[in-house]
Amino acid sequence: MLTSKQRAYLRGLANNYETLFQVGKDGVNDNFIKQVDDALKKRELIKINSLENSPDTPKNIANEIAKKSRCDVVQVIGRRMIFYKRNNNEPKIILPKSKK
């Protein structure tokens, strides 16, 4: 679970990232989830865009992707979604520490 400070940090990093995937009329299928998992393993932070002809709302699509790929939704704004999943073997992004 990400803190608000960590989410803000990741949103800032994602500003410079290109959109990797698009969800269209086929929605979220197993092949799409496999591609997302592979990208998250390699990059840790990715952007996905939802096209207008997608079968569901961007928020519902983001929740479905997060559930199936066991990642965190950083932000859903408009049709753009940002996801984060830490790679425990080779971490690339160091998150700010949470105050506990």
C-alpha atoms as a PDB file:
ATOM      1  CA  MET A   1       0.000   0.000   0.000  1.00  0.00           C
ATOM      2  CA  LEU A   2       1.400   3.346  -1.042  1.00  0.00           C
ATOM      3  CA  THR A   3       1.290   6.474   1.101  1.00  0.00           C
ATOM      4  CA  SER A   4       0.162   9.803  -0.349  1.00  0.00           C
ATOM      5  CA  LYS A   5       3.775  11.024  -0.322  1.00  0.00           C
ATOM      6  CA  GLN A   6       4.893   7.967  -2.294  1.00  0.00           C
ATOM      7  CA  ARG A   7       2.013   8.390  -4.757  1.00  0.00           C
ATOM      8  CA  ALA A   8       2.969  12.031  -5.308  1.00  0.00           C
ATOM      9  CA  TYR A   9       6.590  11.013  -5.904  1.00  0.00           C
ATOM     10  CA  LEU A  10       5.544   8.349  -8.444  1.00  0.00           C
ATOM     11  CA  ARG A  11       3.166  10.766 -10.211  1.00  0.00           C
ATOM     12  CA  GLY A  12       6.088  13.162 -10.623  1.00  0.00           C
ATOM     13  CA  LEU A  13       8.266  10.438 -12.114  1.00  0.00           C
ATOM     14  CA  ALA A  14       5.481   9.312 -14.462  1.00  0.00           C
ATOM     15  CA  ASN A  15       5.200  12.786 -16.025  1.00  0.00           C
ATOM     16  CA  ASN A  16       8.174  11.976 -18.245  1.00  0.00           C
ATOM     17  CA  TYR A  17       7.029   8.435 -19.112  1.00  0.00           C
ATOM     18  CA  GLU A  18       5.401   7.505 -22.400  1.00  0.00           C
ATOM     19  CA  THR A  19       2.145   5.533 -22.505  1.00  0.00           C
ATOM     20  CA  LEU A  20       3.048   1.864 -23.034  1.00  0.00           C
ATOM     21  CA  PHE A  21      -0.330   0.209 -23.574  1.00  0.00           C
ATOM     22  CA  GLN A  22      -3.865   1.052 -24.641  1.00  0.00           C
ATOM     23  CA  VAL A  23      -7.056  -0.661 -23.542  1.00  0.00           C
ATOM     24  CA  GLY A  24      -9.514  -0.783 -26.423  1.00  0.00           C
ATOM     25  CA  LYS A  25     -12.724  -2.581 -27.329  1.00  0.00           C
ATOM     26  CA  ASP A  26     -11.326  -5.974 -26.268  1.00  0.00           C
ATOM     27  CA  GLY A  27     -10.869  -4.763 -22.695  1.00  0.00           C
ATOM     28  CA  VAL A  28      -8.474  -6.454 -20.273  1.00  0.00           C
ATOM     29  CA  ASN A  29      -7.673 -10.052 -21.230  1.00  0.00           C
ATOM     30  CA  ASP A  30      -5.045 -12.574 -20.074  1.00  0.00           C
ATOM     31  CA  ASN A  31      -2.572 -11.659 -22.802  1.00  0.00           C
ATOM     32  CA  PHE A  32      -2.840  -7.968 -21.907  1.00  0.00           C
ATOM     33  CA  ILE A  33      -2.224  -8.748 -18.208  1.00  0.00           C
ATOM     34  CA  LYS A  34       0.856 -10.798 -19.115  1.00  0.00           C
ATOM     35  CA  GLN A  35       2.262  -7.850 -21.083  1.00  0.00           C
ATOM     36  CA  VAL A  36       1.530  -5.494 -18.173  1.00  0.00           C
ATOM     37  CA  ASP A  37       3.226  -7.882 -15.714  1.00  0.00           C
ATOM     38  CA  ASP A  38       6.320  -8.097 -17.918  1.00  0.00           C
ATOM     39  CA  ALA A  39       6.506  -4.313 -18.282  1.00  0.00           C
ATOM     40  CA  LEU A  40       6.049  -3.777 -14.532  1.00  0.00           C
ATOM     41  CA  LYS A  41       8.793  -6.288 -13.772  1.00  0.00           C
ATOM     42  CA  LYS A  42      11.170  -4.447 -16.077  1.00  0.00           C
ATOM     43  CA  ARG A  43      10.190  -0.806 -15.380  1.00  0.00           C
ATOM     44  CA  GLU A  44       8.203  -0.816 -12.090  1.00  0.00           C
ATOM     45  CA  LEU A  45       6.183   2.239 -13.212  1.00  0.00           C
ATOM     46  CA  ILE A  46       4.007   2.294 -16.348  1.00  0.00           C
ATOM     47  CA  LYS A  47       1.286   4.355 -17.998  1.00  0.00           C
ATOM     48  CA  ILE A  48      -1.747   2.877 -19.729  1.00  0.00           C
ATOM     49  CA  ASN A  49      -4.324   4.741 -21.787  1.00  0.00           C
ATOM     50  CA  SER A  50      -7.984   3.762 -22.112  1.00  0.00           C
ATOM     51  CA  LEU A  51      -9.502   4.381 -25.522  1.00  0.00           C
ATOM     52  CA  GLU A  52     -13.014   5.747 -25.940  1.00  0.00           C
ATOM     53  CA  ASN A  53     -14.270   2.440 -27.320  1.00  0.00           C
ATOM     54  CA  SER A  54     -13.149   0.465 -24.241  1.00  0.00           C
ATOM     55  CA  PRO A  55     -15.972  -1.502 -22.579  1.00  0.00           C
ATOM     56  CA  ASP A  56     -15.639   0.046 -19.101  1.00  0.00           C
ATOM     57  CA  THR A  57     -14.665   3.238 -17.281  1.00  0.00           C
ATOM     58  CA  PRO A  58     -10.949   3.977 -16.764  1.00  0.00           C
ATOM     59  CA  LYS A  59     -11.337   3.655 -12.974  1.00  0.00           C
ATOM     60  CA  ASN A  60     -12.882   0.174 -13.270  1.00  0.00           C
ATOM     61  CA  ILE A  61     -10.250  -0.865 -15.808  1.00  0.00           C
ATOM     62  CA  ALA A  62      -7.478   0.353 -13.477  1.00  0.00           C
ATOM     63  CA  ASN A  63      -8.924  -1.617 -10.565  1.00  0.00           C
ATOM     64  CA  GLU A  64      -9.191  -4.753 -12.708  1.00  0.00           C
ATOM     65  CA  ILE A  65      -5.587  -4.445 -13.916  1.00  0.00           C
ATOM     66  CA  ALA A  66      -4.339  -3.816 -10.370  1.00  0.00           C
ATOM     67  CA  LYS A  67      -6.203  -6.830  -9.028  1.00  0.00           C
ATOM     68  CA  LYS A  68      -5.082  -9.210 -11.768  1.00  0.00           C
ATOM     69  CA  SER A  69      -1.442  -8.097 -11.855  1.00  0.00           C
ATOM     70  CA  ARG A  70      -1.169  -7.414  -8.091  1.00  0.00           C
ATOM     71  CA  CYS A  71       0.138  -3.875  -8.516  1.00  0.00           C
ATOM     72  CA  ASP A  72      -0.791  -0.466  -7.103  1.00  0.00           C
ATOM     73  CA  VAL A  73      -2.835   2.135  -8.942  1.00  0.00           C
ATOM     74  CA  VAL A  74      -0.906   5.378  -8.558  1.00  0.00           C
ATOM     75  CA  GLN A  75      -3.372   7.619 -10.374  1.00  0.00           C
ATOM     76  CA  VAL A  76      -6.309   7.600 -12.762  1.00  0.00           C
ATOM     77  CA  ILE A  77      -6.821  10.941 -14.433  1.00  0.00           C
ATOM     78  CA  GLY A  78      -9.062  11.201 -17.457  1.00  0.00           C
ATOM     79  CA  ARG A  79      -8.317   8.144 -19.568  1.00  0.00           C
ATOM     80  CA  ARG A  80      -4.713   7.767 -18.371  1.00  0.00           C
ATOM     81  CA  MET A  81      -3.744   5.298 -15.638  1.00  0.00           C
ATOM     82  CA  ILE A  82      -0.433   4.937 -13.791  1.00  0.00           C
ATOM     83  CA  PHE A  83       0.624   1.678 -12.122  1.00  0.00           C
ATOM     84  CA  TYR A  84       3.502   0.728  -9.815  1.00  0.00           C
ATOM     85  CA  LYS A  85       4.835  -2.645  -8.755  1.00  0.00           C
ATOM     86  CA  ARG A  86       8.137  -3.002  -6.921  1.00  0.00           C
ATOM     87  CA  ASN A  87      10.642  -5.457  -8.379  1.00  0.00           C
ATOM     88  CA  ASN A  88      12.108  -7.091  -5.262  1.00  0.00           C
ATOM     89  CA  ASN A  89      15.050  -8.625  -7.155  1.00  0.00           C
ATOM     90  CA  GLU A  90      16.220  -5.490  -8.989  1.00  0.00           C
ATOM     91  CA  PRO A  91      14.490  -2.359  -7.630  1.00  0.00           C
ATOM     92  CA  LYS A  92      14.847   0.649  -9.925  1.00  0.00           C
ATOM     93  CA  ILE A  93      12.742   3.207  -8.050  1.00  0.00           C
ATOM     94  CA  ILE A  94      13.499   4.095  -4.436  1.00  0.00           C
ATOM     95  CA  LEU A  95      10.320   5.357  -2.750  1.00  0.00           C
ATOM     96  CA  PRO A  96      10.354   7.965   0.033  1.00  0.00           C
ATOM     97  CA  LYS A  97      10.077   6.348   3.460  1.00  0.00           C
ATOM     98  CA  SER A  98       6.715   6.383   5.205  1.00  0.00           C
ATOM     99  CA  LYS A  99       6.646   7.904   8.696  1.00  0.00           C
ATOM    100  CA  LYS A 100       5.591   5.182  11.121  1.00  0.00           C
END
